[in-house]
C-alpha atoms as a PDB file:
ATOM      1  CA  MET A   1       0.000   0.000   0.000  1.00  0.00           C
ATOM      2  CA  VAL A   2       2.803   2.415   0.898  1.00  0.00           C
ATOM      3  CA  LYS A   3       4.619   1.630  -2.373  1.00  0.00           C
ATOM      4  CA  THR A   4       1.418   2.235  -4.333  1.00  0.00           C
ATOM      5  CA  ASN A   5       0.896   5.574  -2.604  1.00  0.00           C
ATOM      6  CA  ARG A   6       4.484   6.591  -3.392  1.00  0.00           C
ATOM      7  CA  LYS A   7       4.038   5.623  -7.047  1.00  0.00           C
ATOM      8  CA  ILE A   8       0.787   7.574  -7.231  1.00  0.00           C
ATOM      9  CA  LYS A   9       2.451  10.563  -5.568  1.00  0.00           C
ATOM     10  CA  GLN A  10       5.407  10.331  -7.954  1.00  0.00           C
ATOM     11  CA  LEU A  11       3.056  10.143 -10.948  1.00  0.00           C
ATOM     12  CA  GLU A  12       1.224  13.220  -9.684  1.00  0.00           C
ATOM     13  CA  ILE A  13       4.528  15.075  -9.283  1.00  0.00           C
ATOM     14  CA  ASP A  14       5.680  13.985 -12.765  1.00  0.00           C
ATOM     15  CA  PHE A  15       2.357  15.076 -14.252  1.00  0.00           C
ATOM     16  CA  ILE A  16       2.515  18.486 -12.554  1.00  0.00           C
ATOM     17  CA  TYR A  17       6.141  18.957 -13.629  1.00  0.00           C
ATOM     18  CA  GLU A  18       5.351  18.026 -17.242  1.00  0.00           C
ATOM     19  CA  ASN A  19       2.370  20.396 -17.363  1.00  0.00           C
ATOM     20  CA  THR A  20       4.413  23.192 -15.809  1.00  0.00           C
ATOM     21  CA  SER A  21       7.201  22.575 -18.303  1.00  0.00           C
ATOM     22  CA  ASN A  22       4.749  22.552 -21.224  1.00  0.00           C
ATOM     23  CA  THR A  23       3.112  25.728 -19.969  1.00  0.00           C
ATOM     24  CA  HIS A  24       6.501  27.406 -19.730  1.00  0.00           C
ATOM     25  CA  THR A  25       7.308  26.341 -23.297  1.00  0.00           C
ATOM     26  CA  VAL A  26       3.996  27.703 -24.590  1.00  0.00           C
ATOM     27  CA  VAL A  27       4.447  30.976 -22.706  1.00  0.00           C
ATOM     28  CA  SER A  28       7.997  31.289 -24.002  1.00  0.00           C
ATOM     29  CA  LYS A  29       6.926  30.666 -27.602  1.00  0.00           C
ATOM     30  CA  THR A  30       4.022  33.082 -27.237  1.00  0.00           C
ATOM     31  CA  SER A  31       6.420  35.680 -25.884  1.00  0.00           C
ATOM     32  CA  ASN A  32       8.723  35.157 -28.862  1.00  0.00           C
ATOM     33  CA  ILE A  33       5.777  35.572 -31.234  1.00  0.00           C
ATOM     34  CA  ASN A  34       4.748  38.778 -29.458  1.00  0.00           C
ATOM     35  CA  VAL A  35       8.284  40.146 -29.742  1.00  0.00           C
ATOM     36  CA  SER A  36       8.366  39.242 -33.439  1.00  0.00           C
ATOM     37  CA  MET A  37       4.998  40.925 -34.028  1.00  0.00           C
ATOM     38  CA  TYR A  38       6.227  44.041 -32.211  1.00  0.00           C
ATOM     39  CA  GLU A  39       9.350  44.128 -34.396  1.00  0.00           C
ATOM     40  CA  ILE A  40       7.224  43.734 -37.523  1.00  0.00           C
ATOM     41  CA  ARG A  41       4.962  46.607 -36.429  1.00  0.00           C
ATOM     42  CA  MET A  42       7.930  48.835 -35.655  1.00  0.00           C
ATOM     43  CA  ASN A  43       9.588  48.020 -38.981  1.00  0.00           C
ATOM     44  CA  SER A  44       6.315  48.693 -40.799  1.00  0.00           C
ATOM     45  CA  ARG A  45       6.007  52.072 -39.083  1.00  0.00           C
ATOM     46  CA  ARG A  46       9.594  52.892 -39.984  1.00  0.00           C
ATOM     47  CA  ILE A  47       8.990  51.965 -43.622  1.00  0.00           C
ATOM     48  CA  LEU A  48       5.755  53.978 -43.755  1.00  0.00           C
ATOM     49  CA  GLN A  49       7.463  56.972 -42.208  1.00  0.00           C
ATOM     50  CA  THR A  50      10.370  56.722 -44.655  1.00  0.00           C
ATOM     51  CA  ASN A  51       7.967  56.441 -47.594  1.00  0.00           C
ATOM     52  CA  TYR A  52       6.009  59.446 -46.333  1.00  0.00           C
ATOM     53  CA  ILE A  53       9.190  61.522 -46.081  1.00  0.00           C
ATOM     54  CA  LYS A  54      10.310  60.432 -49.565  1.00  0.00           C
ATOM     55  CA  GLU A  55       6.922  61.336 -51.049  1.00  0.00           C
ATOM     56  CA  LYS A  56       6.923  64.682 -49.245  1.00  0.00           C
ATOM     57  CA  ASN A  57      10.419  65.457 -50.531  1.00  0.00           C
ATOM     58  CA  ARG A  58       9.412  64.434 -54.061  1.00  0.00           C
ATOM     59  CA  LYS A  59       6.380  66.757 -53.973  1.00  0.00           C
ATOM     60  CA  GLU A  60       8.484  69.616 -52.629  1.00  0.00           C
ATOM     61  CA  LEU A  61      11.046  69.096 -55.374  1.00  0.00           C
ATOM     62  CA  ILE A  62       8.378  69.048 -58.080  1.00  0.00           C
ATOM     63  CA  SER A  63       6.812  72.166 -56.615  1.00  0.00           C
ATOM     64  CA  TYR A  64      10.207  73.891 -56.515  1.00  0.00           C
ATOM     65  CA  ILE A  65      10.929  72.959 -60.123  1.00  0.00           C
ATOM     66  CA  ILE A  66       7.521  74.215 -61.284  1.00  0.00           C
ATOM     67  CA  GLN A  67       7.904  77.508 -59.402  1.00  0.00           C
ATOM     68  CA  ASN A  68      11.393  78.067 -60.762  1.00  0.00           C
ATOM     69  CA  GLU A  69      10.807  76.651 -64.225  1.00  0.00           C
ATOM     70  CA  LYS A  70      11.980  79.773 -65.990  1.00  0.00           C
ATOM     71  CA  SER A  71      15.306  79.655 -64.193  1.00  0.00           C
ATOM     72  CA  PHE A  72      16.246  76.305 -65.693  1.00  0.00           C
END
């Protein structure tokens, strides 16, 4: 009876450890995904901002050329 109780207790401990380990793995992977998504969002913002600045500069250049067309 004592041996059976020990085996049951050990199985319970093993089960808890395995679930805890699996939970940690899932949380870790989820964290990595969240970090990756954050990096993607930041890179997207950077690209959009760069494109906006390029477009703004292009419009300003065109406007400058049109205003000073006679000078060229």
